[in-house]
Amino acid sequence: MSEKATRVVIEGRVQGVWFRGWAAQEAARLNIRGWIRNRLDGSVEAVFAGADADVDAIVLACRRGPPAARVESLTQYPAEAPEEDGFRHLHTD
């Protein structure tokens, strides 16, 4: 099974709408490891690592977000897979 890691920056109405909690639930469901955090500019940043199809699935889901979110853009970058297992919330950067 092929694995990959990607970093995403999600912009729009994505803070204060439970985006990070929702993404963490999706990551757990898909067995994705990585992290998510709010950014000072109002966006959300995350690193997702796991099976190719699962990473693609969570990125696609993040283009919609939870019901209260309004995603205006999602930018995707290559990333190094985190060494730690699990998915965690990081402090705002």
PDB file of N, CA and C in Angstrom:
ATOM      1  N   MET A   1       0.848  -1.173   0.000  1.00  0.00           N
ATOM      2  CA  MET A   1       0.000   0.000   0.000  1.00  0.00           C
ATOM      3  C   MET A   1       0.894   1.237   0.000  1.00  0.00           C
ATOM      4  N   SER A   2       0.638   2.140  -0.914  1.00  0.00           N
ATOM      5  CA  SER A   2       1.426   3.360  -1.042  1.00  0.00           C
ATOM      6  C   SER A   2       0.929   4.422  -0.060  1.00  0.00           C
ATOM      7  N   GLU A   3       1.870   5.143   0.529  1.00  0.00           N
ATOM      8  CA  GLU A   3       1.524   6.208   1.476  1.00  0.00           C
ATOM      9  C   GLU A   3       2.043   7.542   0.986  1.00  0.00           C
ATOM     10  N   LYS A   4       1.416   8.597   1.469  1.00  0.00           N
ATOM     11  CA  LYS A   4       1.885   9.937   1.163  1.00  0.00           C
ATOM     12  C   LYS A   4       1.527  10.878   2.298  1.00  0.00           C
ATOM     13  N   ALA A   5       2.112  12.071   2.228  1.00  0.00           N
ATOM     14  CA  ALA A   5       1.818  13.130   3.201  1.00  0.00           C
ATOM     15  C   ALA A   5       1.610  14.421   2.432  1.00  0.00           C
ATOM     16  N   THR A   6       0.701  15.235   2.930  1.00  0.00           N
ATOM     17  CA  THR A   6       0.423  16.515   2.302  1.00  0.00           C
ATOM     18  C   THR A   6       0.112  17.551   3.379  1.00  0.00           C
ATOM     19  N   ARG A   7       0.477  18.791   3.100  1.00  0.00           N
ATOM     20  CA  ARG A   7       0.122  19.915   3.976  1.00  0.00           C
ATOM     21  C   ARG A   7      -0.911  20.734   3.236  1.00  0.00           C
ATOM     22  N   VAL A   8      -1.956  21.140   3.951  1.00  0.00           N
ATOM     23  CA  VAL A   8      -3.001  21.956   3.347  1.00  0.00           C
ATOM     24  C   VAL A   8      -3.202  23.224   4.164  1.00  0.00           C
ATOM     25  N   VAL A   9      -3.552  24.287   3.463  1.00  0.00           N
ATOM     26  CA  VAL A   9      -3.963  25.544   4.092  1.00  0.00           C
ATOM     27  C   VAL A   9      -5.364  25.828   3.574  1.00  0.00           C
ATOM     28  N   ILE A  10      -6.304  25.959   4.502  1.00  0.00           N
ATOM     29  CA  ILE A  10      -7.709  26.109   4.154  1.00  0.00           C
ATOM     30  C   ILE A  10      -8.137  27.517   4.564  1.00  0.00           C
ATOM     31  N   GLU A  11      -8.717  28.243   3.624  1.00  0.00           N
ATOM     32  CA  GLU A  11      -9.136  29.619   3.881  1.00  0.00           C
ATOM     33  C   GLU A  11     -10.636  29.759   3.700  1.00  0.00           C
ATOM     34  N   GLY A  12     -11.188  30.734   4.370  1.00  0.00           N
ATOM     35  CA  GLY A  12     -12.606  31.011   4.327  1.00  0.00           C
ATOM     36  C   GLY A  12     -13.119  31.158   5.749  1.00  0.00           C
ATOM     37  N   ARG A  13     -14.362  30.783   5.951  1.00  0.00           N
ATOM     38  CA  ARG A  13     -14.932  30.772   7.312  1.00  0.00           C
ATOM     39  C   ARG A  13     -14.620  29.400   7.902  1.00  0.00           C
ATOM     40  N   VAL A  14     -13.400  29.270   8.470  1.00  0.00           N
ATOM     41  CA  VAL A  14     -12.930  27.968   8.932  1.00  0.00           C
ATOM     42  C   VAL A  14     -12.492  27.966  10.394  1.00  0.00           C
ATOM     43  N   GLN A  15     -12.522  29.118  11.040  1.00  0.00           N
ATOM     44  CA  GLN A  15     -12.241  29.162  12.477  1.00  0.00           C
ATOM     45  C   GLN A  15     -13.542  29.483  13.206  1.00  0.00           C
ATOM     46  N   GLY A  16     -13.719  28.874  14.369  1.00  0.00           N
ATOM     47  CA  GLY A  16     -14.931  29.088  15.145  1.00  0.00           C
ATOM     48  C   GLY A  16     -16.128  28.316  14.632  1.00  0.00           C
ATOM     49  N   VAL A  17     -15.891  27.327  13.769  1.00  0.00           N
ATOM     50  CA  VAL A  17     -16.985  26.536  13.192  1.00  0.00           C
ATOM     51  C   VAL A  17     -16.748  25.038  13.380  1.00  0.00           C
ATOM     52  N   TRP A  18     -15.850  24.674  14.292  1.00  0.00           N
ATOM     53  CA  TRP A  18     -15.524  23.289  14.647  1.00  0.00           C
ATOM     54  C   TRP A  18     -14.791  22.554  13.525  1.00  0.00           C
ATOM     55  N   PHE A  19     -14.058  23.314  12.700  1.00  0.00           N
ATOM     56  CA  PHE A  19     -13.331  22.689  11.593  1.00  0.00           C
ATOM     57  C   PHE A  19     -12.255  21.736  12.101  1.00  0.00           C
ATOM     58  N   ARG A  20     -11.463  22.164  13.086  1.00  0.00           N
ATOM     59  CA  ARG A  20     -10.377  21.317  13.580  1.00  0.00           C
ATOM     60  C   ARG A  20     -10.900  20.040  14.228  1.00  0.00           C
ATOM     61  N   GLY A  21     -11.949  20.143  15.036  1.00  0.00           N
ATOM     62  CA  GLY A  21     -12.524  18.953  15.664  1.00  0.00           C
ATOM     63  C   GLY A  21     -13.102  17.997  14.642  1.00  0.00           C
ATOM     64  N   TRP A  22     -13.790  18.547  13.666  1.00  0.00           N
ATOM     65  CA  TRP A  22     -14.361  17.736  12.590  1.00  0.00           C
ATOM     66  C   TRP A  22     -13.254  17.026  11.807  1.00  0.00           C
ATOM     67  N   ALA A  23     -12.173  17.771  11.460  1.00  0.00           N
ATOM     68  CA  ALA A  23     -11.076  17.173  10.712  1.00  0.00           C
ATOM     69  C   ALA A  23     -10.392  16.072  11.521  1.00  0.00           C
ATOM     70  N   ALA A  24     -10.253  16.272  12.824  1.00  0.00           N
ATOM     71  CA  ALA A  24      -9.643  15.242  13.674  1.00  0.00           C
ATOM     72  C   ALA A  24     -10.504  13.976  13.676  1.00  0.00           C
ATOM     73  N   GLN A  25     -11.810  14.121  13.700  1.00  0.00           N
ATOM     74  CA  GLN A  25     -12.699  12.950  13.629  1.00  0.00           C
ATOM     75  C   GLN A  25     -12.549  12.234  12.288  1.00  0.00           C
ATOM     76  N   GLU A  26     -12.485  13.004  11.213  1.00  0.00           N
ATOM     77  CA  GLU A  26     -12.294  12.410   9.885  1.00  0.00           C
ATOM     78  C   GLU A  26     -10.949  11.686   9.814  1.00  0.00           C
ATOM     79  N   ALA A  27      -9.912  12.300  10.373  1.00  0.00           N
ATOM     80  CA  ALA A  27      -8.579  11.685  10.361  1.00  0.00           C
ATOM     81  C   ALA A  27      -8.594  10.362  11.119  1.00  0.00           C
ATOM     82  N   ALA A  28      -9.252  10.338  12.262  1.00  0.00           N
ATOM     83  CA  ALA A  28      -9.331   9.098  13.044  1.00  0.00           C
ATOM     84  C   ALA A  28     -10.086   8.019  12.264  1.00  0.00           C
ATOM     85  N   ARG A  29     -11.170   8.414  11.618  1.00  0.00           N
ATOM     86  CA  ARG A  29     -11.980   7.470  10.843  1.00  0.00           C
ATOM     87  C   ARG A  29     -11.171   6.865   9.698  1.00  0.00           C
ATOM     88  N   LEU A  30     -10.290   7.672   9.095  1.00  0.00           N
ATOM     89  CA  LEU A  30      -9.511   7.220   7.938  1.00  0.00           C
ATOM     90  C   LEU A  30      -8.121   6.710   8.315  1.00  0.00           C
ATOM     91  N   ASN A  31      -7.825   6.658   9.611  1.00  0.00           N
ATOM     92  CA  ASN A  31      -6.510   6.211  10.088  1.00  0.00           C
ATOM     93  C   ASN A  31      -5.377   7.092   9.543  1.00  0.00           C
ATOM     94  N   ILE A  32      -5.631   8.395   9.561  1.00  0.00           N
ATOM     95  CA  ILE A  32      -4.664   9.400   9.110  1.00  0.00           C
ATOM     96  C   ILE A  32      -3.893   9.888  10.329  1.00  0.00           C
ATOM     97  N   ARG A  33      -2.589  10.088  10.173  1.00  0.00           N
ATOM     98  CA  ARG A  33      -1.808  10.708  11.237  1.00  0.00           C
ATOM     99  C   ARG A  33      -1.409  12.111  10.784  1.00  0.00           C
ATOM    100  N   GLY A  34      -1.089  12.945  11.774  1.00  0.00           N
ATOM    101  CA  GLY A  34      -0.697  14.307  11.439  1.00  0.00           C
ATOM    102  C   GLY A  34      -1.151  15.292  12.480  1.00  0.00           C
ATOM    103  N   TRP A  35      -1.446  16.514  12.033  1.00  0.00           N
ATOM    104  CA  TRP A  35      -1.833  17.573  12.959  1.00  0.00           C
ATOM    105  C   TRP A  35      -2.662  18.634  12.240  1.00  0.00           C
ATOM    106  N   ILE A  36      -3.302  19.480  13.057  1.00  0.00           N
ATOM    107  CA  ILE A  36      -4.090  20.596  12.532  1.00  0.00           C
ATOM    108  C   ILE A  36      -3.980  21.754  13.504  1.00  0.00           C
ATOM    109  N   ARG A  37      -4.031  22.975  12.970  1.00  0.00           N
ATOM    110  CA  ARG A  37      -3.983  24.160  13.829  1.00  0.00           C
ATOM    111  C   ARG A  37      -4.623  25.352  13.128  1.00  0.00           C
ATOM    112  N   ASN A  38      -5.104  26.289  13.954  1.00  0.00           N
ATOM    113  CA  ASN A  38      -5.524  27.584  13.445  1.00  0.00           C
ATOM    114  C   ASN A  38      -4.275  28.406  13.159  1.00  0.00           C
ATOM    115  N   ARG A  39      -4.395  29.322  12.203  1.00  0.00           N
ATOM    116  CA  ARG A  39      -3.315  30.262  11.924  1.00  0.00           C
ATOM    117  C   ARG A  39      -3.797  31.668  12.248  1.00  0.00           C
ATOM    118  N   LEU A  40      -2.869  32.530  12.580  1.00  0.00           N
ATOM    119  CA  LEU A  40      -3.212  33.889  12.982  1.00  0.00           C
ATOM    120  C   LEU A  40      -3.941  34.660  11.892  1.00  0.00           C
ATOM    121  N   ASP A  41      -3.768  34.272  10.628  1.00  0.00           N
ATOM    122  CA  ASP A  41      -4.427  34.973   9.524  1.00  0.00           C
ATOM    123  C   ASP A  41      -5.875  34.524   9.311  1.00  0.00           C
ATOM    124  N   GLY A  42      -6.379  33.634  10.169  1.00  0.00           N
ATOM    125  CA  GLY A  42      -7.764  33.170  10.068  1.00  0.00           C
ATOM    126  C   GLY A  42      -7.936  31.875   9.297  1.00  0.00           C
ATOM    127  N   SER A  43      -6.863  31.357   8.740  1.00  0.00           N
ATOM    128  CA  SER A  43      -6.940  30.088   8.016  1.00  0.00           C
ATOM    129  C   SER A  43      -6.665  28.923   8.961  1.00  0.00           C
ATOM    130  N   VAL A  44      -6.794  27.724   8.441  1.00  0.00           N
ATOM    131  CA  VAL A  44      -6.472  26.499   9.162  1.00  0.00           C
ATOM    132  C   VAL A  44      -5.415  25.772   8.344  1.00  0.00           C
ATOM    133  N   GLU A  45      -4.413  25.210   9.036  1.00  0.00           N
ATOM    134  CA  GLU A  45      -3.333  24.476   8.389  1.00  0.00           C
ATOM    135  C   GLU A  45      -3.303  23.063   8.952  1.00  0.00           C
ATOM    136  N   ALA A  46      -3.035  22.088   8.103  1.00  0.00           N
ATOM    137  CA  ALA A  46      -2.981  20.700   8.558  1.00  0.00           C
ATOM    138  C   ALA A  46      -1.960  19.919   7.748  1.00  0.00           C
ATOM    139  N   VAL A  47      -1.437  18.875   8.369  1.00  0.00           N
ATOM    140  CA  VAL A  47      -0.631  17.875   7.676  1.00  0.00           C
ATOM    141  C   VAL A  47      -1.344  16.546   7.845  1.00  0.00           C
ATOM    142  N   PHE A  48      -1.574  15.872   6.727  1.00  0.00           N
ATOM    143  CA  PHE A  48      -2.231  14.572   6.713  1.00  0.00           C
ATOM    144  C   PHE A  48      -1.264  13.556   6.111  1.00  0.00           C
ATOM    145  N   ALA A  49      -1.121  12.401   6.756  1.00  0.00           N
ATOM    146  CA  ALA A  49      -0.258  11.339   6.237  1.00  0.00           C
ATOM    147  C   ALA A  49      -0.964  10.003   6.403  1.00  0.00           C
ATOM    148  N   GLY A  50      -0.818   9.161   5.396  1.00  0.00           N
ATOM    149  CA  GLY A  50      -1.427   7.837   5.440  1.00  0.00           C
ATOM    150  C   GLY A  50      -1.508   7.251   4.041  1.00  0.00           C
ATOM    151  N   ALA A  51      -2.363   6.270   3.888  1.00  0.00           N
ATOM    152  CA  ALA A  51      -2.561   5.636   2.586  1.00  0.00           C
ATOM    153  C   ALA A  51      -3.010   6.684   1.565  1.00  0.00           C
ATOM    154  N   ASP A  52      -2.507   6.558   0.348  1.00  0.00           N
ATOM    155  CA  ASP A  52      -2.818   7.526  -0.710  1.00  0.00           C
ATOM    156  C   ASP A  52      -4.308   7.857  -0.792  1.00  0.00           C
ATOM    157  N   ALA A  53      -5.136   6.839  -0.886  1.00  0.00           N
ATOM    158  CA  ALA A  53      -6.577   7.053  -1.055  1.00  0.00           C
ATOM    159  C   ALA A  53      -7.191   7.752   0.156  1.00  0.00           C
ATOM    160  N   ASP A  54      -6.710   7.437   1.348  1.00  0.00           N
ATOM    161  CA  ASP A  54      -7.245   8.061   2.557  1.00  0.00           C
ATOM    162  C   ASP A  54      -6.846   9.525   2.647  1.00  0.00           C
ATOM    163  N   VAL A  55      -5.605   9.842   2.290  1.00  0.00           N
ATOM    164  CA  VAL A  55      -5.169  11.245   2.279  1.00  0.00           C
ATOM    165  C   VAL A  55      -5.976  12.019   1.240  1.00  0.00           C
ATOM    166  N   ASP A  56      -6.165  11.439   0.064  1.00  0.00           N
ATOM    167  CA  ASP A  56      -6.983  12.093  -0.959  1.00  0.00           C
ATOM    168  C   ASP A  56      -8.407  12.327  -0.449  1.00  0.00           C
ATOM    169  N   ALA A  57      -8.950  11.361   0.288  1.00  0.00           N
ATOM    170  CA  ALA A  57     -10.317  11.473   0.796  1.00  0.00           C
ATOM    171  C   ALA A  57     -10.444  12.595   1.822  1.00  0.00           C
ATOM    172  N   ILE A  58      -9.474  12.741   2.723  1.00  0.00           N
ATOM    173  CA  ILE A  58      -9.589  13.794   3.734  1.00  0.00           C
ATOM    174  C   ILE A  58      -9.370  15.168   3.117  1.00  0.00           C
ATOM    175  N   VAL A  59      -8.491  15.262   2.127  1.00  0.00           N
ATOM    176  CA  VAL A  59      -8.306  16.543   1.449  1.00  0.00           C
ATOM    177  C   VAL A  59      -9.591  16.938   0.730  1.00  0.00           C
ATOM    178  N   LEU A  60     -10.216  16.007   0.056  1.00  0.00           N
ATOM    179  CA  LEU A  60     -11.488  16.279  -0.614  1.00  0.00           C
ATOM    180  C   LEU A  60     -12.548  16.715   0.396  1.00  0.00           C
ATOM    181  N   ALA A  61     -12.616  16.034   1.533  1.00  0.00           N
ATOM    182  CA  ALA A  61     -13.587  16.406   2.576  1.00  0.00           C
ATOM    183  C   ALA A  61     -13.311  17.806   3.099  1.00  0.00           C
ATOM    184  N   CYS A  62     -12.044  18.179   3.225  1.00  0.00           N
ATOM    185  CA  CYS A  62     -11.687  19.516   3.727  1.00  0.00           C
ATOM    186  C   CYS A  62     -12.070  20.618   2.746  1.00  0.00           C
ATOM    187  N   ARG A  63     -12.265  20.281   1.505  1.00  0.00           N
ATOM    188  CA  ARG A  63     -12.719  21.288   0.535  1.00  0.00           C
ATOM    189  C   ARG A  63     -14.156  21.712   0.830  1.00  0.00           C
ATOM    190  N   ARG A  64     -14.899  20.879   1.563  1.00  0.00           N
ATOM    191  CA  ARG A  64     -16.260  21.203   1.991  1.00  0.00           C
ATOM    192  C   ARG A  64     -16.268  21.644   3.436  1.00  0.00           C
ATOM    193  N   GLY A  65     -15.603  20.862   4.297  1.00  0.00           N
ATOM    194  CA  GLY A  65     -15.573  21.158   5.726  1.00  0.00           C
ATOM    195  C   GLY A  65     -16.861  20.767   6.417  1.00  0.00           C
ATOM    196  N   PRO A  66     -16.967  21.073   7.708  1.00  0.00           N
ATOM    197  CA  PRO A  66     -18.192  20.785   8.455  1.00  0.00           C
ATOM    198  C   PRO A  66     -19.310  21.737   8.020  1.00  0.00           C
ATOM    199  N   PRO A  67     -20.548  21.458   8.428  1.00  0.00           N
ATOM    200  CA  PRO A  67     -21.694  22.249   7.939  1.00  0.00           C
ATOM    201  C   PRO A  67     -21.583  23.759   8.131  1.00  0.00           C
ATOM    202  N   ALA A  68     -21.026  24.233   9.235  1.00  0.00           N
ATOM    203  CA  ALA A  68     -20.979  25.674   9.494  1.00  0.00           C
ATOM    204  C   ALA A  68     -19.831  26.378   8.769  1.00  0.00           C
ATOM    205  N   ALA A  69     -18.924  25.638   8.186  1.00  0.00           N
ATOM    206  CA  ALA A  69     -17.772  26.234   7.501  1.00  0.00           C
ATOM    207  C   ALA A  69     -18.156  26.708   6.103  1.00  0.00           C
ATOM    208  N   ARG A  70     -17.373  27.654   5.621  1.00  0.00           N
ATOM    209  CA  ARG A  70     -17.482  28.084   4.223  1.00  0.00           C
ATOM    210  C   ARG A  70     -16.061  28.124   3.670  1.00  0.00           C
ATOM    211  N   VAL A  71     -15.660  27.082   3.011  1.00  0.00           N
ATOM    212  CA  VAL A  71     -14.303  26.985   2.479  1.00  0.00           C
ATOM    213  C   VAL A  71     -14.236  27.760   1.164  1.00  0.00           C
ATOM    214  N   GLU A  72     -13.321  28.738   1.138  1.00  0.00           N
ATOM    215  CA  GLU A  72     -13.132  29.531  -0.074  1.00  0.00           C
ATOM    216  C   GLU A  72     -11.977  28.996  -0.912  1.00  0.00           C
ATOM    217  N   SER A  73     -10.938  28.467  -0.250  1.00  0.00           N
ATOM    218  CA  SER A  73      -9.830  27.885  -1.006  1.00  0.00           C
ATOM    219  C   SER A  73      -9.099  26.871  -0.140  1.00  0.00           C
ATOM    220  N   LEU A  74      -8.484  25.919  -0.800  1.00  0.00           N
ATOM    221  CA  LEU A  74      -7.621  24.934  -0.157  1.00  0.00           C
ATOM    222  C   LEU A  74      -6.378  24.817  -1.028  1.00  0.00           C
ATOM    223  N   THR A  75      -5.231  25.108  -0.431  1.00  0.00           N
ATOM    224  CA  THR A  75      -3.956  24.999  -1.132  1.00  0.00           C
ATOM    225  C   THR A  75      -3.216  23.809  -0.560  1.00  0.00           C
ATOM    226  N   GLN A  76      -2.677  22.996  -1.436  1.00  0.00           N
ATOM    227  CA  GLN A  76      -2.037  21.738  -1.037  1.00  0.00           C
ATOM    228  C   GLN A  76      -0.559  21.779  -1.398  1.00  0.00           C
ATOM    229  N   TYR A  77       0.289  21.292  -0.462  1.00  0.00           N
ATOM    230  CA  TYR A  77       1.741  21.277  -0.637  1.00  0.00           C
ATOM    231  C   TYR A  77       2.275  19.899  -0.269  1.00  0.00           C
ATOM    232  N   PRO A  78       3.387  19.480  -0.858  1.00  0.00           N
ATOM    233  CA  PRO A  78       4.044  18.244  -0.406  1.00  0.00           C
ATOM    234  C   PRO A  78       4.504  18.427   1.043  1.00  0.00           C
ATOM    235  N   ALA A  79       4.577  17.343   1.786  1.00  0.00           N
ATOM    236  CA  ALA A  79       4.998  17.416   3.189  1.00  0.00           C
ATOM    237  C   ALA A  79       5.747  16.146   3.567  1.00  0.00           C
ATOM    238  N   GLU A  80       6.484  16.256   4.639  1.00  0.00           N
ATOM    239  CA  GLU A  80       7.115  15.089   5.253  1.00  0.00           C
ATOM    240  C   GLU A  80       6.105  14.470   6.211  1.00  0.00           C
ATOM    241  N   ALA A  81       6.001  13.164   6.214  1.00  0.00           N
ATOM    242  CA  ALA A  81       5.087  12.479   7.139  1.00  0.00           C
ATOM    243  C   ALA A  81       5.584  12.665   8.571  1.00  0.00           C
ATOM    244  N   PRO A  82       4.683  12.970   9.495  1.00  0.00           N
ATOM    245  CA  PRO A  82       5.097  13.080  10.895  1.00  0.00           C
ATOM    246  C   PRO A  82       5.534  11.715  11.423  1.00  0.00           C
ATOM    247  N   GLU A  83       6.486  11.732  12.315  1.00  0.00           N
ATOM    248  CA  GLU A  83       6.980  10.480  12.884  1.00  0.00           C
ATOM    249  C   GLU A  83       6.019   9.911  13.925  1.00  0.00           C
ATOM    250  N   GLU A  84       5.254  10.781  14.578  1.00  0.00           N
ATOM    251  CA  GLU A  84       4.344  10.335  15.635  1.00  0.00           C
ATOM    252  C   GLU A  84       3.099   9.697  15.034  1.00  0.00           C
ATOM    253  N   ASP A  85       2.567   8.719  15.754  1.00  0.00           N
ATOM    254  CA  ASP A  85       1.277   8.146  15.383  1.00  0.00           C
ATOM    255  C   ASP A  85       0.174   9.065  15.881  1.00  0.00           C
ATOM    256  N   GLY A  86      -0.995   8.893  15.342  1.00  0.00           N
ATOM    257  CA  GLY A  86      -2.156   9.647  15.798  1.00  0.00           C
ATOM    258  C   GLY A  86      -2.279  10.998  15.119  1.00  0.00           C
ATOM    259  N   PHE A  87      -3.301  11.711  15.539  1.00  0.00           N
ATOM    260  CA  PHE A  87      -3.619  13.021  14.977  1.00  0.00           C
ATOM    261  C   PHE A  87      -3.807  13.980  16.123  1.00  0.00           C
ATOM    262  N   ARG A  88      -3.199  15.150  16.056  1.00  0.00           N
ATOM    263  CA  ARG A  88      -3.245  16.066  17.194  1.00  0.00           C
ATOM    264  C   ARG A  88      -3.513  17.496  16.763  1.00  0.00           C
ATOM    265  N   HIS A  89      -3.969  18.278  17.729  1.00  0.00           N
ATOM    266  CA  HIS A  89      -4.176  19.707  17.556  1.00  0.00           C
ATOM    267  C   HIS A  89      -2.908  20.419  18.007  1.00  0.00           C
ATOM    268  N   LEU A  90      -2.440  21.377  17.229  1.00  0.00           N
ATOM    269  CA  LEU A  90      -1.302  22.202  17.607  1.00  0.00           C
ATOM    270  C   LEU A  90      -1.814  23.590  17.986  1.00  0.00           C
ATOM    271  N   HIS A  91      -0.975  24.336  18.688  1.00  0.00           N
ATOM    272  CA  HIS A  91      -1.325  25.711  19.040  1.00  0.00           C
ATOM    273  C   HIS A  91      -1.347  26.584  17.799  1.00  0.00           C
ATOM    274  N   THR A  92      -2.106  27.652  17.863  1.00  0.00           N
ATOM    275  CA  THR A  92      -2.196  28.613  16.768  1.00  0.00           C
ATOM    276  C   THR A  92      -0.808  29.129  16.412  1.00  0.00           C
ATOM    277  N   ASP A  93      -0.581  29.252  15.108  1.00  0.00           N
ATOM    278  CA  ASP A  93       0.708  29.758  14.630  1.00  0.00           C
ATOM    279  C   ASP A  93       0.485  30.971  13.760  1.00  0.00           C
TER     280      ASP A  93
END
